PDB file of N, CA and C in Angstrom:
ATOM      1  N   MET A   1       0.808  -1.194   0.000  1.00  0.00           N
ATOM      2  CA  MET A   1       0.000   0.000   0.000  1.00  0.00           C
ATOM      3  C   MET A   1       0.857   1.266   0.000  1.00  0.00           C
ATOM      4  N   GLU A   2       2.090   1.151   0.412  1.00  0.00           N
ATOM      5  CA  GLU A   2       2.947   2.339   0.466  1.00  0.00           C
ATOM      6  C   GLU A   2       3.075   3.068  -0.871  1.00  0.00           C
ATOM      7  N   PRO A   3       3.287   2.349  -1.982  1.00  0.00           N
ATOM      8  CA  PRO A   3       3.380   3.063  -3.258  1.00  0.00           C
ATOM      9  C   PRO A   3       2.109   3.840  -3.595  1.00  0.00           C
ATOM     10  N   VAL A   4       0.960   3.280  -3.280  1.00  0.00           N
ATOM     11  CA  VAL A   4      -0.305   3.964  -3.559  1.00  0.00           C
ATOM     12  C   VAL A   4      -0.425   5.216  -2.711  1.00  0.00           C
ATOM     13  N   LEU A   5      -0.147   5.094  -1.430  1.00  0.00           N
ATOM     14  CA  LEU A   5      -0.245   6.251  -0.539  1.00  0.00           C
ATOM     15  C   LEU A   5       0.730   7.348  -0.950  1.00  0.00           C
ATOM     16  N   ALA A   6       1.928   6.975  -1.333  1.00  0.00           N
ATOM     17  CA  ALA A   6       2.911   7.969  -1.784  1.00  0.00           C
ATOM     18  C   ALA A   6       2.443   8.645  -3.070  1.00  0.00           C
ATOM     19  N   HIS A   7       1.882   7.866  -3.981  1.00  0.00           N
ATOM     20  CA  HIS A   7       1.374   8.440  -5.231  1.00  0.00           C
ATOM     21  C   HIS A   7       0.225   9.396  -4.961  1.00  0.00           C
ATOM     22  N   ILE A   8      -0.697   8.999  -4.102  1.00  0.00           N
ATOM     23  CA  ILE A   8      -1.827   9.857  -3.768  1.00  0.00           C
ATOM     24  C   ILE A   8      -1.334  11.159  -3.147  1.00  0.00           C
ATOM     25  N   GLU A   9      -0.412  11.061  -2.225  1.00  0.00           N
ATOM     26  CA  GLU A   9       0.120  12.263  -1.571  1.00  0.00           C
ATOM     27  C   GLU A   9       0.821  13.172  -2.572  1.00  0.00           C
ATOM     28  N   ALA A  10       1.582  12.599  -3.479  1.00  0.00           N
ATOM     29  CA  ALA A  10       2.320  13.403  -4.458  1.00  0.00           C
ATOM     30  C   ALA A  10       1.410  14.023  -5.509  1.00  0.00           C
ATOM     31  N   HIS A  11       0.234  13.439  -5.719  1.00  0.00           N
ATOM     32  CA  HIS A  11      -0.676  13.915  -6.767  1.00  0.00           C
ATOM     33  C   HIS A  11      -2.047  14.262  -6.209  1.00  0.00           C
ATOM     34  N   ILE A  12      -2.082  14.744  -4.980  1.00  0.00           N
ATOM     35  CA  ILE A  12      -3.328  14.979  -4.265  1.00  0.00           C
ATOM     36  C   ILE A  12      -4.269  15.942  -4.996  1.00  0.00           C
ATOM     37  N   ALA A  13      -3.734  16.881  -5.743  1.00  0.00           N
ATOM     38  CA  ALA A  13      -4.574  17.871  -6.431  1.00  0.00           C
ATOM     39  C   ALA A  13      -5.066  17.386  -7.791  1.00  0.00           C
ATOM     40  N   GLU A  14      -4.641  16.199  -8.196  1.00  0.00           N
ATOM     41  CA  GLU A  14      -5.002  15.668  -9.511  1.00  0.00           C
ATOM     42  C   GLU A  14      -6.060  14.575  -9.377  1.00  0.00           C
ATOM     43  N   PRO A  15      -6.845  14.370 -10.434  1.00  0.00           N
ATOM     44  CA  PRO A  15      -7.786  13.239 -10.408  1.00  0.00           C
ATOM     45  C   PRO A  15      -7.014  11.916 -10.328  1.00  0.00           C
ATOM     46  N   LEU A  16      -7.521  10.978  -9.555  1.00  0.00           N
ATOM     47  CA  LEU A  16      -6.865   9.677  -9.401  1.00  0.00           C
ATOM     48  C   LEU A  16      -7.711   8.610 -10.080  1.00  0.00           C
ATOM     49  N   SER A  17      -7.138   7.954 -11.069  1.00  0.00           N
ATOM     50  CA  SER A  17      -7.872   6.883 -11.739  1.00  0.00           C
ATOM     51  C   SER A  17      -7.492   5.536 -11.132  1.00  0.00           C
ATOM     52  N   LEU A  18      -8.436   4.636 -11.174  1.00  0.00           N
ATOM     53  CA  LEU A  18      -8.180   3.295 -10.682  1.00  0.00           C
ATOM     54  C   LEU A  18      -7.074   2.624 -11.489  1.00  0.00           C
ATOM     55  N   GLU A  19      -7.059   2.888 -12.789  1.00  0.00           N
ATOM     56  CA  GLU A  19      -6.039   2.299 -13.654  1.00  0.00           C
ATOM     57  C   GLU A  19      -4.636   2.756 -13.242  1.00  0.00           C
ATOM     58  N   ARG A  20      -4.495   4.047 -12.929  1.00  0.00           N
ATOM     59  CA  ARG A  20      -3.176   4.568 -12.527  1.00  0.00           C
ATOM     60  C   ARG A  20      -2.744   3.986 -11.183  1.00  0.00           C
ATOM     61  N   LEU A  21      -3.680   3.906 -10.248  1.00  0.00           N
ATOM     62  CA  LEU A  21      -3.340   3.326  -8.944  1.00  0.00           C
ATOM     63  C   LEU A  21      -2.978   1.853  -9.081  1.00  0.00           C
ATOM     64  N   ALA A  22      -3.667   1.159  -9.964  1.00  0.00           N
ATOM     65  CA  ALA A  22      -3.332  -0.249 -10.205  1.00  0.00           C
ATOM     66  C   ALA A  22      -1.928  -0.372 -10.776  1.00  0.00           C
ATOM     67  N   ALA A  23      -1.582   0.530 -11.694  1.00  0.00           N
ATOM     68  CA  ALA A  23      -0.242   0.496 -12.293  1.00  0.00           C
ATOM     69  C   ALA A  23       0.832   0.790 -11.254  1.00  0.00           C
ATOM     70  N   VAL A  24       0.550   1.719 -10.356  1.00  0.00           N
ATOM     71  CA  VAL A  24       1.511   2.076  -9.303  1.00  0.00           C
ATOM     72  C   VAL A  24       1.767   0.888  -8.385  1.00  0.00           C
ATOM     73  N   THR A  25       0.737   0.130  -8.090  1.00  0.00           N
ATOM     74  CA  THR A  25       0.896  -0.988  -7.159  1.00  0.00           C
ATOM     75  C   THR A  25       1.355  -2.266  -7.827  1.00  0.00           C
ATOM     76  N   GLY A  26       1.288  -2.313  -9.161  1.00  0.00           N
ATOM     77  CA  GLY A  26       1.663  -3.544  -9.841  1.00  0.00           C
ATOM     78  C   GLY A  26       0.662  -4.643  -9.580  1.00  0.00           C
ATOM     79  N   LEU A  27      -0.647  -4.306  -9.511  1.00  0.00           N
ATOM     80  CA  LEU A  27      -1.685  -5.313  -9.227  1.00  0.00           C
ATOM     81  C   LEU A  27      -1.615  -6.436 -10.220  1.00  0.00           C
ATOM     82  N   ARG A  28      -1.823  -7.647  -9.699  1.00  0.00           N
ATOM     83  CA  ARG A  28      -1.797  -8.840 -10.543  1.00  0.00           C
ATOM     84  C   ARG A  28      -3.216  -9.211 -10.924  1.00  0.00           C
ATOM     85  N   GLN A  29      -3.398  -9.579 -12.173  1.00  0.00           N
ATOM     86  CA  GLN A  29      -4.710 -10.038 -12.620  1.00  0.00           C
ATOM     87  C   GLN A  29      -4.885 -11.490 -12.237  1.00  0.00           C
ATOM     88  N   GLY A  30      -6.110 -11.854 -11.954  1.00  0.00           N
ATOM     89  CA  GLY A  30      -6.418 -13.242 -11.635  1.00  0.00           C
ATOM     90  C   GLY A  30      -6.205 -13.610 -10.184  1.00  0.00           C
ATOM     91  N   VAL A  31      -5.882 -12.644  -9.340  1.00  0.00           N
ATOM     92  CA  VAL A  31      -5.699 -12.911  -7.914  1.00  0.00           C
ATOM     93  C   VAL A  31      -7.086 -13.035  -7.285  1.00  0.00           C
ATOM     94  N   PRO A  32      -7.321 -14.049  -6.472  1.00  0.00           N
ATOM     95  CA  PRO A  32      -8.632 -14.195  -5.835  1.00  0.00           C
ATOM     96  C   PRO A  32      -9.000 -12.967  -5.000  1.00  0.00           C
ATOM     97  N   VAL A  33     -10.289 -12.627  -5.035  1.00  0.00           N
ATOM     98  CA  VAL A  33     -10.769 -11.451  -4.308  1.00  0.00           C
ATOM     99  C   VAL A  33     -10.446 -11.557  -2.820  1.00  0.00           C
ATOM    100  N   ALA A  34     -10.519 -12.756  -2.266  1.00  0.00           N
ATOM    101  CA  ALA A  34     -10.213 -12.945  -0.844  1.00  0.00           C
ATOM    102  C   ALA A  34      -8.771 -12.543  -0.536  1.00  0.00           C
ATOM    103  N   SER A  35      -7.847 -12.858  -1.437  1.00  0.00           N
ATOM    104  CA  SER A  35      -6.444 -12.472  -1.248  1.00  0.00           C
ATOM    105  C   SER A  35      -6.269 -10.961  -1.340  1.00  0.00           C
ATOM    106  N   VAL A  36      -6.953 -10.361  -2.313  1.00  0.00           N
ATOM    107  CA  VAL A  36      -6.886  -8.906  -2.470  1.00  0.00           C
ATOM    108  C   VAL A  36      -7.426  -8.229  -1.219  1.00  0.00           C
ATOM    109  N   ALA A  37      -8.550  -8.728  -0.709  1.00  0.00           N
ATOM    110  CA  ALA A  37      -9.151  -8.158   0.500  1.00  0.00           C
ATOM    111  C   ALA A  37      -8.181  -8.220   1.668  1.00  0.00           C
ATOM    112  N   SER A  38      -7.574  -9.365   1.859  1.00  0.00           N
ATOM    113  CA  SER A  38      -6.634  -9.540   2.962  1.00  0.00           C
ATOM    114  C   SER A  38      -5.419  -8.631   2.821  1.00  0.00           C
ATOM    115  N   GLU A  39      -4.850  -8.576   1.615  1.00  0.00           N
ATOM    116  CA  GLU A  39      -3.662  -7.758   1.380  1.00  0.00           C
ATOM    117  C   GLU A  39      -3.954  -6.264   1.458  1.00  0.00           C
ATOM    118  N   SER A  40      -5.232  -5.897   1.264  1.00  0.00           N
ATOM    119  CA  SER A  40      -5.615  -4.482   1.261  1.00  0.00           C
ATOM    120  C   SER A  40      -6.115  -4.007   2.617  1.00  0.00           C
ATOM    121  N   GLY A  41      -6.183  -4.892   3.590  1.00  0.00           N
ATOM    122  CA  GLY A  41      -6.571  -4.490   4.931  1.00  0.00           C
ATOM    123  C   GLY A  41      -8.055  -4.581   5.235  1.00  0.00           C
ATOM    124  N   PHE A  42      -8.827  -5.235   4.363  1.00  0.00           N
ATOM    125  CA  PHE A  42     -10.247  -5.419   4.651  1.00  0.00           C
ATOM    126  C   PHE A  42     -10.428  -6.618   5.558  1.00  0.00           C
ATOM    127  N   CYS A  43     -11.520  -6.608   6.324  1.00  0.00           N
ATOM    128  CA  CYS A  43     -11.795  -7.713   7.264  1.00  0.00           C
ATOM    129  C   CYS A  43     -11.969  -9.031   6.535  1.00  0.00           C
ATOM    130  N   ASP A  44     -12.666  -8.981   5.408  1.00  0.00           N
ATOM    131  CA  ASP A  44     -12.912 -10.188   4.634  1.00  0.00           C
ATOM    132  C   ASP A  44     -13.343  -9.802   3.227  1.00  0.00           C
ATOM    133  N   GLN A  45     -13.589 -10.812   2.410  1.00  0.00           N
ATOM    134  CA  GLN A  45     -13.939 -10.601   1.011  1.00  0.00           C
ATOM    135  C   GLN A  45     -15.246  -9.823   0.862  1.00  0.00           C
ATOM    136  N   SER A  46     -16.235 -10.120   1.694  1.00  0.00           N
ATOM    137  CA  SER A  46     -17.527  -9.441   1.562  1.00  0.00           C
ATOM    138  C   SER A  46     -17.420  -7.961   1.921  1.00  0.00           C
ATOM    139  N   HIS A  47     -16.557  -7.622   2.866  1.00  0.00           N
ATOM    140  CA  HIS A  47     -16.335  -6.220   3.223  1.00  0.00           C
ATOM    141  C   HIS A  47     -15.754  -5.461   2.032  1.00  0.00           C
ATOM    142  N   LEU A  48     -14.775  -6.050   1.372  1.00  0.00           N
ATOM    143  CA  LEU A  48     -14.193  -5.441   0.175  1.00  0.00           C
ATOM    144  C   LEU A  48     -15.251  -5.305  -0.926  1.00  0.00           C
ATOM    145  N   ALA A  49     -16.024  -6.360  -1.148  1.00  0.00           N
ATOM    146  CA  ALA A  49     -17.025  -6.340  -2.216  1.00  0.00           C
ATOM    147  C   ALA A  49     -18.087  -5.269  -1.980  1.00  0.00           C
ATOM    148  N   ARG A  50     -18.547  -5.134  -0.736  1.00  0.00           N
ATOM    149  CA  ARG A  50     -19.539  -4.100  -0.427  1.00  0.00           C
ATOM    150  C   ARG A  50     -18.972  -2.709  -0.666  1.00  0.00           C
ATOM    151  N   ARG A  51     -17.766  -2.479  -0.199  1.00  0.00           N
ATOM    152  CA  ARG A  51     -17.138  -1.161  -0.353  1.00  0.00           C
ATOM    153  C   ARG A  51     -16.860  -0.857  -1.821  1.00  0.00           C
ATOM    154  N   PHE A  52     -16.381  -1.858  -2.545  1.00  0.00           N
ATOM    155  CA  PHE A  52     -16.085  -1.699  -3.969  1.00  0.00           C
ATOM    156  C   PHE A  52     -17.358  -1.349  -4.728  1.00  0.00           C
ATOM    157  N   LYS A  53     -18.444  -2.066  -4.435  1.00  0.00           N
ATOM    158  CA  LYS A  53     -19.706  -1.816  -5.133  1.00  0.00           C
ATOM    159  C   LYS A  53     -20.230  -0.413  -4.819  1.00  0.00           C
ATOM    160  N   ARG A  54     -20.080   0.017  -3.587  1.00  0.00           N
ATOM    161  CA  ARG A  54     -20.528   1.366  -3.209  1.00  0.00           C
ATOM    162  C   ARG A  54     -19.723   2.424  -3.957  1.00  0.00           C
ATOM    163  N   GLU A  55     -18.427   2.217  -4.100  1.00  0.00           N
ATOM    164  CA  GLU A  55     -17.558   3.213  -4.743  1.00  0.00           C
ATOM    165  C   GLU A  55     -17.598   3.146  -6.271  1.00  0.00           C
ATOM    166  N   CYS A  56     -17.682   1.947  -6.825  1.00  0.00           N
ATOM    167  CA  CYS A  56     -17.560   1.763  -8.277  1.00  0.00           C
ATOM    168  C   CYS A  56     -18.874   1.409  -8.973  1.00  0.00           C
ATOM    169  N   GLY A  57     -19.900   1.085  -8.196  1.00  0.00           N
ATOM    170  CA  GLY A  57     -21.179   0.746  -8.793  1.00  0.00           C
ATOM    171  C   GLY A  57     -21.263  -0.666  -9.341  1.00  0.00           C
ATOM    172  N   MET A  58     -20.279  -1.477  -9.042  1.00  0.00           N
ATOM    173  CA  MET A  58     -20.279  -2.879  -9.474  1.00  0.00           C
ATOM    174  C   MET A  58     -19.399  -3.683  -8.527  1.00  0.00           C
ATOM    175  N   THR A  59     -19.580  -4.992  -8.560  1.00  0.00           N
ATOM    176  CA  THR A  59     -18.763  -5.853  -7.699  1.00  0.00           C
ATOM    177  C   THR A  59     -17.366  -5.996  -8.304  1.00  0.00           C
ATOM    178  N   PRO A  60     -16.399  -6.441  -7.517  1.00  0.00           N
ATOM    179  CA  PRO A  60     -15.066  -6.681  -8.069  1.00  0.00           C
ATOM    180  C   PRO A  60     -15.092  -7.672  -9.236  1.00  0.00           C
ATOM    181  N   THR A  61     -15.929  -8.691  -9.147  1.00  0.00           N
ATOM    182  CA  THR A  61     -16.020  -9.672 -10.230  1.00  0.00           C
ATOM    183  C   THR A  61     -16.565  -9.033 -11.501  1.00  0.00           C
ATOM    184  N   GLN A  62     -17.602  -8.198 -11.365  1.00  0.00           N
ATOM    185  CA  GLN A  62     -18.147  -7.504 -12.530  1.00  0.00           C
ATOM    186  C   GLN A  62     -17.098  -6.589 -13.146  1.00  0.00           C
ATOM    187  N   TYR A  63     -16.351  -5.887 -12.306  1.00  0.00           N
ATOM    188  CA  TYR A  63     -15.292  -5.003 -12.793  1.00  0.00           C
ATOM    189  C   TYR A  63     -14.238  -5.803 -13.547  1.00  0.00           C
ATOM    190  N   GLN A  64     -13.854  -6.920 -12.983  1.00  0.00           N
ATOM    191  CA  GLN A  64     -12.840  -7.760 -13.607  1.00  0.00           C
ATOM    192  C   GLN A  64     -13.309  -8.263 -14.974  1.00  0.00           C
ATOM    193  N   CYS A  65     -14.564  -8.674 -15.048  1.00  0.00           N
ATOM    194  CA  CYS A  65     -15.120  -9.168 -16.327  1.00  0.00           C
ATOM    195  C   CYS A  65     -15.159  -8.049 -17.361  1.00  0.00           C
ATOM    196  N   GLU A  66     -15.587  -6.861 -16.968  1.00  0.00           N
ATOM    197  CA  GLU A  66     -15.632  -5.736 -17.900  1.00  0.00           C
ATOM    198  C   GLU A  66     -14.238  -5.337 -18.359  1.00  0.00           C
ATOM    199  N   SER A  67     -13.284  -5.378 -17.442  1.00  0.00           N
ATOM    200  CA  SER A  67     -11.903  -5.029 -17.800  1.00  0.00           C
ATOM    201  C   SER A  67     -11.329  -6.026 -18.793  1.00  0.00           C
ATOM    202  N   ARG A  68     -11.647  -7.277 -18.575  1.00  0.00           N
ATOM    203  CA  ARG A  68     -11.162  -8.333 -19.461  1.00  0.00           C
ATOM    204  C   ARG A  68     -11.785  -8.225 -20.842  1.00  0.00           C
ATOM    205  N   ASP A  69     -13.062  -7.843 -20.882  1.00  0.00           N
ATOM    206  CA  ASP A  69     -13.779  -7.724 -22.152  1.00  0.00           C
ATOM    207  C   ASP A  69     -13.459  -6.437 -22.891  1.00  0.00           C
ATOM    208  N   GLY A  70     -12.758  -5.526 -22.220  1.00  0.00           N
ATOM    209  CA  GLY A  70     -12.420  -4.257 -22.842  1.00  0.00           C
ATOM    210  C   GLY A  70     -13.553  -3.244 -22.823  1.00  0.00           C
ATOM    211  N   SER A  71     -14.559  -3.486 -21.980  1.00  0.00           N
ATOM    212  CA  SER A  71     -15.704  -2.578 -21.907  1.00  0.00           C
ATOM    213  C   SER A  71     -15.396  -1.360 -21.092  1.00  0.00           C
TER     214      SER A  71
END
């Protein structure tokens, strides 16, 4: 998480895209949501999914499918 926090701090006045933050962290595709939740500091997978859906309007799985399809 340190690279993300440093990037956010350095670019606080700029819009932050999910794609840029993913690039900064070197996120791996195909990692199980439960692993992502744990590595990101969420209590569990459902906590991450609820928060993700509230912020992005879709579940992590839906986001992953759309990203893969190029939508």
